[in-house]
Amino acid sequence: MNGFSLSRWGIFGTLLVAAVVAVAVFVGRASARPTPTTTPEPISAIEACHLPATDVKAGGTLSYSWQLAIRLDSPEVSELFFTSGSDSLLCEAWRGTDGNYGSSTITSVGRFEPLSGAALTYDGGSESAPGETWPSQLVIGQAPSSAASIEVVTADAERHGSTIGNGFYLAWVSTGNQPSKVVEIVARDSTGTIIARLADPSGLQPGASAVPASR
């Protein structure tokens, strides 16, 4: 597996498994509540991610030029997804009780095969840790270029919106105290017409890719 994962809690899901390329990226979630940061100066969420410029791999060194593709914020944590060519980085930056980032940061790096056009994928995410006070599950995938909205539906019939940017989407799915299966993902254009759809009542599996809906 080409990638590394720094986590303070368990591992769940795969990120951006597409076409014939299948490289997993894992995301852990910190179970502790944010604490005051100790940095002398305020730092941004991007700075807290400590983006690596290089990574030593078998047979050589990879160089990165990270670009922020999409960001999803809550009062306690920000999810930032970066790309550099076919490499990807997902950073989970926690905000301390003093409002500053850096109290806990989880970073995962991997490689993916970019899809374009009408592609809609469900590539994985992360689930909440036992005892977390704000249970949620991160859902990640690639978005059709004409998508104006993407809705994630869980087995408990709850519908959740997502943030779309630069060919990707991120969604936080509130799940109560137990993870809830993702059973449907629907992409719509600006008129509300469904342009791509993934569905499985028994639960979608990471790595799924939707055939574009017929007009």
Protein backbone atom coordinates (compact mmCIF):
# COMPACT_ATOMS: atom_id res chain seq x y z
CA MET A 1 0.00 0.00 0.00
CA ASN A 2 1.42 3.37 -1.00
CA GLY A 3 0.45 5.73 1.78
CA PHE A 4 0.77 6.42 5.46
CA SER A 5 -1.71 7.08 8.22
CA LEU A 6 -1.20 8.91 11.50
CA SER A 7 -4.16 8.30 13.78
CA ARG A 8 -5.13 8.40 17.45
CA TRP A 9 -8.05 6.04 17.02
CA GLY A 10 -9.25 3.25 14.78
CA ILE A 11 -9.18 2.92 11.02
CA PHE A 12 -12.16 2.84 8.66
CA GLY A 13 -12.82 3.10 4.98
CA THR A 14 -10.91 3.66 1.76
CA LEU A 15 -10.39 6.90 -0.10
CA LEU A 16 -10.58 7.38 -3.84
CA VAL A 17 -10.56 3.84 -5.16
CA ALA A 18 -11.11 4.35 -8.88
CA ALA A 19 -10.82 2.48 -12.18
CA VAL A 20 -8.01 -0.08 -12.05
CA VAL A 21 -6.07 1.83 -9.44
CA ALA A 22 -6.90 0.77 -5.90
CA VAL A 23 -4.89 2.54 -3.21
CA ALA A 24 -6.45 2.92 0.22
CA VAL A 25 -6.18 5.94 2.46
CA PHE A 26 -7.37 5.57 6.02
CA VAL A 27 -8.70 8.17 8.42
CA GLY A 28 -8.77 7.89 12.20
CA ARG A 29 -10.72 10.21 14.47
CA ALA A 30 -9.53 11.48 17.83
CA SER A 31 -11.85 10.49 20.67
CA ALA A 32 -10.72 13.17 23.11
CA ARG A 33 -12.38 16.57 23.15
CA PRO A 34 -10.26 19.47 21.89
CA THR A 35 -8.01 21.07 24.49
CA PRO A 36 -6.35 24.50 24.52
CA THR A 37 -3.50 24.70 22.04
CA THR A 38 0.00 25.53 23.14
CA THR A 39 1.31 27.27 20.04
CA PRO A 40 2.66 30.79 20.77
CA GLU A 41 0.90 32.25 17.72
CA PRO A 42 -2.49 31.37 16.22
CA ILE A 43 -2.23 28.93 13.33
CA SER A 44 -4.71 28.16 10.54
CA ALA A 45 -6.21 24.77 9.79
CA ILE A 46 -3.96 24.46 6.74
CA GLU A 47 -0.86 25.23 8.81
CA ALA A 48 -1.98 22.67 11.38
CA CYS A 49 -1.96 19.99 8.67
CA HIS A 50 1.84 20.29 8.28
CA LEU A 51 1.66 19.34 4.61
CA PRO A 52 4.67 17.21 3.66
CA ALA A 53 6.78 18.47 0.76
CA THR A 54 8.26 15.03 0.11
CA ASP A 55 7.77 11.41 1.08
CA VAL A 56 10.37 8.66 0.86
CA LYS A 57 9.08 5.58 -0.92
CA ALA A 58 10.69 2.36 -2.02
CA GLY A 59 12.82 3.22 -5.00
CA GLY A 60 12.83 7.00 -4.59
CA THR A 61 11.38 10.17 -3.14
CA LEU A 62 8.02 11.69 -4.06
CA SER A 63 7.68 15.47 -4.23
CA TYR A 64 4.33 17.18 -3.62
CA SER A 65 2.74 20.46 -4.61
CA TRP A 66 -0.48 20.39 -2.60
CA GLN A 67 -3.59 22.30 -3.68
CA LEU A 68 -6.64 22.56 -1.44
CA ALA A 69 -9.51 20.89 -3.32
CA ILE A 70 -12.30 21.00 -0.75
CA ARG A 71 -12.87 21.88 2.90
CA LEU A 72 -15.62 21.02 5.37
CA ASP A 73 -15.86 22.88 8.70
CA SER A 74 -17.66 22.40 12.00
CA PRO A 75 -17.19 24.30 15.29
CA GLU A 76 -14.79 21.62 16.54
CA VAL A 77 -12.99 20.20 13.52
CA SER A 78 -12.15 20.93 9.88
CA GLU A 79 -11.66 18.32 7.16
CA LEU A 80 -9.32 19.48 4.37
CA PHE A 81 -8.73 17.48 1.21
CA PHE A 82 -5.65 18.30 -0.88
CA THR A 83 -4.41 16.97 -4.21
CA SER A 84 -1.04 16.98 -5.92
CA GLY A 85 -1.32 15.34 -9.33
CA SER A 86 -2.64 11.86 -8.59
CA ASP A 87 -1.64 12.05 -4.92
CA SER A 88 -4.15 13.00 -2.23
CA LEU A 89 -4.02 14.12 1.37
CA LEU A 90 -6.88 14.25 3.85
CA CYS A 91 -6.28 16.28 7.00
CA GLU A 92 -8.53 16.41 10.05
CA ALA A 93 -7.59 19.49 12.08
CA TRP A 94 -9.16 19.99 15.50
CA ARG A 95 -9.80 23.41 16.97
CA GLY A 96 -8.82 23.87 20.61
CA THR A 97 -11.08 25.40 23.24
CA ASP A 98 -9.17 28.65 22.71
CA GLY A 99 -10.28 28.66 19.05
CA ASN A 100 -6.81 27.85 17.72
CA TYR A 101 -6.05 24.85 15.51
CA GLY A 102 -3.42 22.28 16.31
CA SER A 103 -4.68 20.55 19.44
CA SER A 104 -5.01 17.33 17.44
CA THR A 105 -4.29 16.73 13.77
CA ILE A 106 -4.69 13.50 11.80
CA THR A 107 -3.20 13.30 8.33
CA SER A 108 -3.50 10.54 5.72
CA VAL A 109 -1.80 10.41 2.31
CA GLY A 110 -2.53 8.16 -0.65
CA ARG A 111 -2.74 7.96 -4.43
CA PHE A 112 -5.81 7.93 -6.65
CA GLU A 113 -6.87 7.82 -10.29
CA PRO A 114 -8.88 10.98 -11.02
CA LEU A 115 -12.22 10.42 -12.71
CA SER A 116 -13.96 13.19 -14.60
CA GLY A 117 -17.19 14.08 -16.35
CA ALA A 118 -20.17 12.21 -14.92
CA ALA A 119 -18.26 10.20 -12.29
CA LEU A 120 -19.92 9.73 -8.90
CA THR A 121 -18.08 7.56 -6.39
CA TYR A 122 -18.35 6.47 -2.77
CA ASP A 123 -14.77 6.10 -1.63
CA GLY A 124 -15.04 5.83 2.15
CA GLY A 125 -14.48 8.05 5.14
CA SER A 126 -14.20 7.76 8.90
CA GLU A 127 -16.52 6.87 11.73
CA SER A 128 -16.79 8.44 15.18
CA ALA A 129 -14.88 7.01 18.11
CA PRO A 130 -16.67 5.28 21.00
CA GLY A 131 -17.85 7.85 23.53
CA GLU A 132 -17.58 10.85 21.22
CA THR A 133 -20.00 13.60 22.15
CA TRP A 134 -20.77 14.57 18.53
CA PRO A 135 -21.13 11.26 16.67
CA SER A 136 -20.62 11.67 12.95
CA GLN A 137 -19.26 9.82 9.95
CA LEU A 138 -17.27 11.37 7.14
CA VAL A 139 -18.24 10.39 3.59
CA ILE A 140 -15.84 11.08 0.70
CA GLY A 141 -16.11 10.67 -3.05
CA GLN A 142 -15.67 12.16 -6.48
CA ALA A 143 -18.44 14.36 -7.87
CA PRO A 144 -19.82 14.72 -11.40
CA SER A 145 -18.65 17.96 -12.99
CA SER A 146 -22.24 19.17 -13.46
CA ALA A 147 -23.38 18.31 -9.93
CA ALA A 148 -25.02 21.19 -8.06
CA SER A 149 -25.87 19.03 -5.04
CA ILE A 150 -25.04 15.59 -3.69
CA GLU A 151 -27.22 13.95 -1.05
CA VAL A 152 -26.13 11.07 1.17
CA VAL A 153 -28.86 8.80 2.59
CA THR A 154 -28.24 6.45 5.50
CA ALA A 155 -30.06 3.27 6.55
CA ASP A 156 -32.02 5.20 9.18
CA ALA A 157 -33.63 7.18 6.30
CA GLU A 158 -31.78 10.38 7.24
CA ARG A 159 -30.73 12.62 4.33
CA HIS A 160 -27.52 14.61 4.51
CA GLY A 161 -26.19 17.34 2.23
CA SER A 162 -22.56 17.64 1.19
CA THR A 163 -19.94 20.19 0.24
CA ILE A 164 -18.78 20.00 -3.40
CA GLY A 165 -15.56 21.43 -4.80
CA ASN A 166 -13.06 20.77 -7.58
CA GLY A 167 -14.49 17.39 -8.53
CA PHE A 168 -14.96 16.02 -5.00
CA TYR A 169 -17.57 16.01 -2.25
CA LEU A 170 -17.38 15.70 1.54
CA ALA A 171 -20.31 15.03 3.86
CA TRP A 172 -20.67 14.64 7.60
CA VAL A 173 -23.36 12.11 8.41
CA SER A 174 -24.78 12.25 11.93
CA THR A 175 -25.26 8.67 13.06
CA GLY A 176 -26.21 8.65 16.73
CA ASN A 177 -24.08 6.37 18.88
CA GLN A 178 -23.57 3.76 16.16
CA PRO A 179 -22.31 4.08 12.57
CA SER A 180 -25.16 4.02 10.06
CA LYS A 181 -24.78 2.39 6.66
CA VAL A 182 -24.74 4.63 3.63
CA VAL A 183 -27.45 3.20 1.35
CA GLU A 184 -27.81 5.87 -1.33
CA ILE A 185 -25.88 8.78 -2.84
CA VAL A 186 -27.62 11.01 -5.37
CA ALA A 187 -26.08 13.75 -7.53
CA ARG A 188 -28.37 16.40 -9.05
CA ASP A 189 -27.73 19.23 -11.46
CA SER A 190 -28.89 22.83 -11.02
CA THR A 191 -32.43 21.94 -12.17
CA GLY A 192 -32.76 19.18 -9.59
CA THR A 193 -32.47 16.43 -12.20
CA ILE A 194 -30.66 13.29 -11.04
CA ILE A 195 -27.46 12.93 -13.08
CA ALA A 196 -25.86 10.03 -11.17
CA ARG A 197 -26.96 7.70 -8.40
CA LEU A 198 -25.53 4.96 -6.20
CA ALA A 199 -27.88 2.76 -4.17
CA ASP A 200 -27.77 -0.48 -2.21
CA PRO A 201 -30.30 -1.15 0.61
CA SER A 202 -27.82 -3.47 2.31
CA GLY A 203 -25.20 -0.68 2.44
CA LEU A 204 -22.85 0.78 -0.15
CA GLN A 205 -19.29 -0.48 -0.09
CA PRO A 206 -16.32 1.90 -0.46
CA GLY A 207 -15.02 1.86 -4.00
CA ALA A 208 -18.44 2.03 -5.65
CA SER A 209 -18.80 4.11 -8.83
CA ALA A 210 -22.12 5.13 -10.39
CA VAL A 211 -23.15 4.85 -13.99
CA PRO A 212 -24.50 8.23 -15.14
CA ALA A 213 -28.28 8.45 -15.02
CA SER A 214 -29.98 8.41 -18.42
CA ARG A 215 -31.65 11.62 -19.57
